[in-house]
């Protein structure tokens, strides 16, 4: 019986060693897999961060392009510039319009600038104040501002706002504004 117990004991010890080796092997494999997963997660996080930065840069570039396209300043004759304004004007765009306008007048030594508002559906107080500020600022630079594209609705809205527009030169159409600017040059 003691021989049987010894054999049984040895067999159990062998099984236990085998189980321990298997567990150690599985733990090593698990640890290796865990390390690989952690590396993969870190790589994915780095990639996500890189893609987020690229996306933000793309959005900044897109915003800049939209801003440029929303305030074009076009030379139409020698020292005559036109800025068509289309859509609504918020405070940010109002500042952009003034900055582009003043920089363009200075850089291109413009004598006359025409702001065409035919693309604005409704002139409200912010739009009107941008026009008045633009006219004053251009005048301070020694140039003249003509506003073209004033519709009957624009005229009614401007009258309702009680804004003094006496200093502003206006034309009904862009073509008339360009003709007036070219005539004044000579």
C-alpha atoms as a PDB file:
ATOM      1  CA  UNK A   1       0.000   0.000   0.000  1.00  0.00           C
ATOM      2  CA  UNK A   2       2.831   2.401   0.730  1.00  0.00           C
ATOM      3  CA  UNK A   3       4.215   1.631  -2.690  1.00  0.00           C
ATOM      4  CA  UNK A   4       0.884   2.519  -4.224  1.00  0.00           C
ATOM      5  CA  UNK A   5       0.725   5.699  -2.203  1.00  0.00           C
ATOM      6  CA  UNK A   6       4.237   6.639  -3.263  1.00  0.00           C
ATOM      7  CA  UNK A   7       3.430   5.982  -6.896  1.00  0.00           C
ATOM      8  CA  UNK A   8       0.180   7.915  -6.554  1.00  0.00           C
ATOM      9  CA  UNK A   9       2.034  10.732  -4.821  1.00  0.00           C
ATOM     10  CA  UNK A  10       4.658  10.827  -7.635  1.00  0.00           C
ATOM     11  CA  UNK A  11       1.965  10.762 -10.270  1.00  0.00           C
ATOM     12  CA  UNK A  12       0.148  13.669  -8.565  1.00  0.00           C
ATOM     13  CA  UNK A  13       3.423  15.595  -8.234  1.00  0.00           C
ATOM     14  CA  UNK A  14       4.083  15.069 -11.938  1.00  0.00           C
ATOM     15  CA  UNK A  15       0.579  16.259 -12.800  1.00  0.00           C
ATOM     16  CA  UNK A  16       1.020  19.273 -10.533  1.00  0.00           C
ATOM     17  CA  UNK A  17       4.355  20.136 -12.206  1.00  0.00           C
ATOM     18  CA  UNK A  18       2.746  19.765 -15.595  1.00  0.00           C
ATOM     19  CA  UNK A  19      -0.141  22.016 -14.518  1.00  0.00           C
ATOM     20  CA  UNK A  20       2.323  24.588 -13.114  1.00  0.00           C
ATOM     21  CA  UNK A  21       4.356  24.519 -16.346  1.00  0.00           C
ATOM     22  CA  UNK A  22       1.173  24.865 -18.385  1.00  0.00           C
ATOM     23  CA  UNK A  23       0.006  27.764 -16.209  1.00  0.00           C
ATOM     24  CA  UNK A  24       3.422  29.447 -16.468  1.00  0.00           C
ATOM     25  CA  UNK A  25       3.385  28.956 -20.212  1.00  0.00           C
ATOM     26  CA  UNK A  26      -0.134  30.387 -20.437  1.00  0.00           C
ATOM     27  CA  UNK A  27       0.837  33.312 -18.194  1.00  0.00           C
ATOM     28  CA  UNK A  28       3.844  34.027 -20.417  1.00  0.00           C
ATOM     29  CA  UNK A  29       1.643  33.841 -23.524  1.00  0.00           C
ATOM     30  CA  UNK A  30      -0.981  36.042 -21.823  1.00  0.00           C
ATOM     31  CA  UNK A  31       1.685  38.528 -20.774  1.00  0.00           C
ATOM     32  CA  UNK A  32       3.061  38.589 -24.329  1.00  0.00           C
ATOM     33  CA  UNK A  33      -0.438  39.103 -25.770  1.00  0.00           C
ATOM     34  CA  UNK A  34      -1.146  41.802 -23.201  1.00  0.00           C
ATOM     35  CA  UNK A  35       2.072  43.599 -24.154  1.00  0.00           C
ATOM     36  CA  UNK A  36       1.172  43.351 -27.853  1.00  0.00           C
ATOM     37  CA  UNK A  37      -2.331  44.666 -27.168  1.00  0.00           C
ATOM     38  CA  UNK A  38      -0.953  47.550 -25.117  1.00  0.00           C
ATOM     39  CA  UNK A  39       1.447  48.405 -27.953  1.00  0.00           C
ATOM     40  CA  UNK A  40      -1.416  48.246 -30.440  1.00  0.00           C
ATOM     41  CA  UNK A  41      -3.595  50.477 -28.239  1.00  0.00           C
ATOM     42  CA  UNK A  42      -0.737  52.965 -27.898  1.00  0.00           C
ATOM     43  CA  UNK A  43      -0.185  52.963 -31.674  1.00  0.00           C
ATOM     44  CA  UNK A  44      -3.908  53.469 -32.262  1.00  0.00           C
ATOM     45  CA  UNK A  45      -3.968  56.334 -29.742  1.00  0.00           C
ATOM     46  CA  UNK A  46      -0.985  57.957 -31.449  1.00  0.00           C
ATOM     47  CA  UNK A  47      -2.632  57.491 -34.836  1.00  0.00           C
ATOM     48  CA  UNK A  48      -5.914  58.933 -33.534  1.00  0.00           C
ATOM     49  CA  UNK A  49      -4.059  61.943 -32.110  1.00  0.00           C
ATOM     50  CA  UNK A  50      -2.203  62.423 -35.394  1.00  0.00           C
ATOM     51  CA  UNK A  51      -5.448  62.158 -37.363  1.00  0.00           C
ATOM     52  CA  UNK A  52      -7.127  64.620 -34.973  1.00  0.00           C
ATOM     53  CA  UNK A  53      -4.286  67.093 -35.500  1.00  0.00           C
ATOM     54  CA  UNK A  54      -4.532  66.631 -39.282  1.00  0.00           C
ATOM     55  CA  UNK A  55      -8.286  67.128 -39.115  1.00  0.00           C
ATOM     56  CA  UNK A  56      -7.888  70.313 -37.067  1.00  0.00           C
ATOM     57  CA  UNK A  57      -5.290  71.636 -39.504  1.00  0.00           C
ATOM     58  CA  UNK A  58      -7.573  70.780 -42.415  1.00  0.00           C
ATOM     59  CA  UNK A  59     -10.446  72.612 -40.702  1.00  0.00           C
ATOM     60  CA  UNK A  60      -8.207  75.664 -40.129  1.00  0.00           C
ATOM     61  CA  UNK A  61      -7.166  75.615 -43.784  1.00  0.00           C
ATOM     62  CA  UNK A  62     -10.785  75.219 -44.874  1.00  0.00           C
ATOM     63  CA  UNK A  63     -11.880  78.084 -42.606  1.00  0.00           C
ATOM     64  CA  UNK A  64      -9.136  80.297 -44.047  1.00  0.00           C
ATOM     65  CA  UNK A  65     -10.111  79.383 -47.595  1.00  0.00           C
ATOM     66  CA  UNK A  66     -13.780  80.041 -46.896  1.00  0.00           C
ATOM     67  CA  UNK A  67     -12.863  83.357 -45.300  1.00  0.00           C
ATOM     68  CA  UNK A  68     -10.803  84.313 -48.360  1.00  0.00           C
ATOM     69  CA  UNK A  69     -13.554  83.264 -50.727  1.00  0.00           C
ATOM     70  CA  UNK A  70     -16.187  85.099 -48.691  1.00  0.00           C
ATOM     71  CA  UNK A  71     -14.322  88.416 -49.012  1.00  0.00           C
ATOM     72  CA  UNK A  72     -12.739  88.576 -52.463  1.00  0.00           C
ATOM     73  CA  UNK A  73     -11.245  91.888 -53.544  1.00  0.00           C
ATOM     74  CA  UNK A  74     -11.045  92.018 -57.313  1.00  0.00           C
ATOM     75  CA  UNK A  75      -9.216  94.579 -59.457  1.00  0.00           C
ATOM     76  CA  UNK A  76     -11.516  95.578 -62.348  1.00  0.00           C
ATOM     77  CA  UNK A  77      -9.600  98.553 -63.722  1.00  0.00           C
ATOM     78  CA  UNK A  78      -6.435 100.446 -62.919  1.00  0.00           C
ATOM     79  CA  UNK A  79      -6.695 101.401 -59.218  1.00  0.00           C
ATOM     80  CA  UNK A  80     -10.340 100.286 -59.055  1.00  0.00           C
ATOM     81  CA  UNK A  81     -11.318  97.342 -56.840  1.00  0.00           C
ATOM     82  CA  UNK A  82     -14.601  95.495 -56.358  1.00  0.00           C
ATOM     83  CA  UNK A  83     -15.636  93.478 -53.328  1.00  0.00           C
ATOM     84  CA  UNK A  84     -18.829  91.504 -53.897  1.00  0.00           C
ATOM     85  CA  UNK A  85     -20.533  90.658 -50.624  1.00  0.00           C
ATOM     86  CA  UNK A  86     -22.756  87.608 -50.735  1.00  0.00           C
ATOM     87  CA  UNK A  87     -24.713  86.124 -47.872  1.00  0.00           C
ATOM     88  CA  UNK A  88     -24.972  87.246 -44.299  1.00  0.00           C
ATOM     89  CA  UNK A  89     -22.450  89.228 -42.306  1.00  0.00           C
ATOM     90  CA  UNK A  90     -21.637  88.407 -38.719  1.00  0.00           C
ATOM     91  CA  UNK A  91     -19.156  90.248 -36.504  1.00  0.00           C
ATOM     92  CA  UNK A  92     -16.212  88.052 -37.571  1.00  0.00           C
ATOM     93  CA  UNK A  93     -16.968  88.485 -41.255  1.00  0.00           C
ATOM     94  CA  UNK A  94     -17.495  92.218 -40.774  1.00  0.00           C
ATOM     95  CA  UNK A  95     -13.974  92.537 -39.371  1.00  0.00           C
ATOM     96  CA  UNK A  96     -12.606  90.364 -42.173  1.00  0.00           C
ATOM     97  CA  UNK A  97     -14.303  92.569 -44.785  1.00  0.00           C
ATOM     98  CA  UNK A  98     -12.767  95.707 -43.261  1.00  0.00           C
ATOM     99  CA  UNK A  99      -9.309  94.137 -42.959  1.00  0.00           C
ATOM    100  CA  UNK A 100      -9.263  92.788 -46.519  1.00  0.00           C
ATOM    101  CA  UNK A 101     -10.670  96.041 -47.858  1.00  0.00           C
ATOM    102  CA  UNK A 102      -8.144  98.290 -46.109  1.00  0.00           C
ATOM    103  CA  UNK A 103      -5.191  96.019 -46.870  1.00  0.00           C
ATOM    104  CA  UNK A 104      -6.245  95.832 -50.523  1.00  0.00           C
ATOM    105  CA  UNK A 105      -6.669  99.596 -50.849  1.00  0.00           C
ATOM    106  CA  UNK A 106      -3.213 100.117 -49.391  1.00  0.00           C
ATOM    107  CA  UNK A 107      -1.411  97.360 -51.268  1.00  0.00           C
ATOM    108  CA  UNK A 108      -3.002  98.085 -54.639  1.00  0.00           C
ATOM    109  CA  UNK A 109      -3.070 101.852 -54.152  1.00  0.00           C
ATOM    110  CA  UNK A 110      -6.717 101.899 -55.133  1.00  0.00           C
ATOM    111  CA  UNK A 111      -8.464 105.190 -55.779  1.00  0.00           C
ATOM    112  CA  UNK A 112     -11.929 103.653 -55.747  1.00  0.00           C
ATOM    113  CA  UNK A 113     -13.460 100.587 -54.142  1.00  0.00           C
ATOM    114  CA  UNK A 114     -16.890  99.290 -54.996  1.00  0.00           C
ATOM    115  CA  UNK A 115     -18.753  97.202 -52.433  1.00  0.00           C
ATOM    116  CA  UNK A 116     -21.428  95.268 -54.273  1.00  0.00           C
ATOM    117  CA  UNK A 117     -24.238  94.325 -51.879  1.00  0.00           C
ATOM    118  CA  UNK A 118     -26.565  92.757 -54.433  1.00  0.00           C
ATOM    119  CA  UNK A 119     -25.800  89.356 -52.861  1.00  0.00           C
ATOM    120  CA  UNK A 120     -27.111  90.419 -49.453  1.00  0.00           C
ATOM    121  CA  UNK A 121     -30.798  89.609 -49.130  1.00  0.00           C
ATOM    122  CA  UNK A 122     -31.526  91.863 -46.170  1.00  0.00           C
ATOM    123  CA  UNK A 123     -29.519  94.804 -44.930  1.00  0.00           C
ATOM    124  CA  UNK A 124     -29.742  94.922 -41.150  1.00  0.00           C
ATOM    125  CA  UNK A 125     -27.954  97.172 -38.670  1.00  0.00           C
ATOM    126  CA  UNK A 126     -24.684  95.196 -38.653  1.00  0.00           C
ATOM    127  CA  UNK A 127     -24.523  95.190 -42.456  1.00  0.00           C
ATOM    128  CA  UNK A 128     -25.271  98.902 -42.580  1.00  0.00           C
ATOM    129  CA  UNK A 129     -22.670  99.711 -39.942  1.00  0.00           C
ATOM    130  CA  UNK A 130     -20.074  97.711 -41.915  1.00  0.00           C
ATOM    131  CA  UNK A 131     -20.858  99.798 -44.992  1.00  0.00           C
ATOM    132  CA  UNK A 132     -20.544 103.072 -43.084  1.00  0.00           C
ATOM    133  CA  UNK A 133     -17.330 101.982 -41.334  1.00  0.00           C
ATOM    134  CA  UNK A 134     -15.868 100.760 -44.629  1.00  0.00           C
ATOM    135  CA  UNK A 135     -16.661 104.067 -46.343  1.00  0.00           C
ATOM    136  CA  UNK A 136     -15.072 106.073 -43.521  1.00  0.00           C
ATOM    137  CA  UNK A 137     -11.988 103.865 -43.356  1.00  0.00           C
ATOM    138  CA  UNK A 138     -11.451 103.955 -47.121  1.00  0.00           C
ATOM    139  CA  UNK A 139     -11.884 107.728 -47.086  1.00  0.00           C
ATOM    140  CA  UNK A 140      -9.241 107.981 -44.329  1.00  0.00           C
ATOM    141  CA  UNK A 141      -6.841 106.200 -46.693  1.00  0.00           C
ATOM    142  CA  UNK A 142      -7.539 108.821 -49.366  1.00  0.00           C
ATOM    143  CA  UNK A 143      -9.732 106.619 -51.521  1.00  0.00           C
ATOM    144  CA  UNK A 144     -13.415 106.559 -52.334  1.00  0.00           C
ATOM    145  CA  UNK A 145     -16.026 103.880 -51.700  1.00  0.00           C
ATOM    146  CA  UNK A 146     -19.055 103.264 -53.888  1.00  0.00           C
ATOM    147  CA  UNK A 147     -21.810 100.888 -52.843  1.00  0.00           C
ATOM    148  CA  UNK A 148     -23.549  99.103 -55.688  1.00  0.00           C
ATOM    149  CA  UNK A 149     -26.421  96.669 -55.819  1.00  0.00           C
ATOM    150  CA  UNK A 150     -28.805  98.623 -53.589  1.00  0.00           C
ATOM    151  CA  UNK A 151     -32.292  97.227 -54.131  1.00  0.00           C
ATOM    152  CA  UNK A 152     -35.572  98.924 -53.183  1.00  0.00           C
ATOM    153  CA  UNK A 153     -35.797  96.569 -50.195  1.00  0.00           C
ATOM    154  CA  UNK A 154     -32.253  97.503 -49.137  1.00  0.00           C
ATOM    155  CA  UNK A 155     -33.184 101.185 -49.401  1.00  0.00           C
ATOM    156  CA  UNK A 156     -36.301 100.691 -47.223  1.00  0.00           C
ATOM    157  CA  UNK A 157     -34.323  98.716 -44.630  1.00  0.00           C
ATOM    158  CA  UNK A 158     -31.597 101.363 -44.489  1.00  0.00           C
ATOM    159  CA  UNK A 159     -34.181 104.118 -44.053  1.00  0.00           C
ATOM    160  CA  UNK A 160     -35.883 102.138 -41.265  1.00  0.00           C
ATOM    161  CA  UNK A 161     -32.554 101.865 -39.436  1.00  0.00           C
ATOM    162  CA  UNK A 162     -32.173 105.680 -39.361  1.00  0.00           C
ATOM    163  CA  UNK A 163     -28.493 105.428 -40.249  1.00  0.00           C
ATOM    164  CA  UNK A 164     -26.963 108.522 -41.828  1.00  0.00           C
ATOM    165  CA  UNK A 165     -25.840 107.390 -45.247  1.00  0.00           C
ATOM    166  CA  UNK A 166     -25.311 110.881 -46.652  1.00  0.00           C
ATOM    167  CA  UNK A 167     -21.588 110.289 -47.117  1.00  0.00           C
ATOM    168  CA  UNK A 168     -22.058 107.067 -49.073  1.00  0.00           C
ATOM    169  CA  UNK A 169     -21.981 107.045 -52.839  1.00  0.00           C
ATOM    170  CA  UNK A 170     -24.343 104.443 -54.244  1.00  0.00           C
ATOM    171  CA  UNK A 171     -25.227 102.888 -57.578  1.00  0.00           C
ATOM    172  CA  UNK A 172     -28.048 100.562 -58.405  1.00  0.00           C
ATOM    173  CA  UNK A 173     -25.865  98.116 -60.366  1.00  0.00           C
ATOM    174  CA  UNK A 174     -22.252  96.999 -60.239  1.00  0.00           C
ATOM    175  CA  UNK A 175     -21.727  98.026 -63.851  1.00  0.00           C
ATOM    176  CA  UNK A 176     -22.813 101.587 -63.072  1.00  0.00           C
ATOM    177  CA  UNK A 177     -20.417 101.624 -60.121  1.00  0.00           C
ATOM    178  CA  UNK A 178     -17.520 100.486 -62.277  1.00  0.00           C
ATOM    179  CA  UNK A 179     -18.378 103.069 -64.943  1.00  0.00           C
ATOM    180  CA  UNK A 180     -18.544 105.824 -62.326  1.00  0.00           C
ATOM    181  CA  UNK A 181     -15.213 104.725 -60.816  1.00  0.00           C
ATOM    182  CA  UNK A 182     -13.486 104.667 -64.199  1.00  0.00           C
ATOM    183  CA  UNK A 183     -14.915 108.109 -65.124  1.00  0.00           C
ATOM    184  CA  UNK A 184     -13.698 109.599 -61.831  1.00  0.00           C
ATOM    185  CA  UNK A 185     -10.196 108.310 -62.431  1.00  0.00           C
ATOM    186  CA  UNK A 186      -9.669 110.567 -65.417  1.00  0.00           C
END
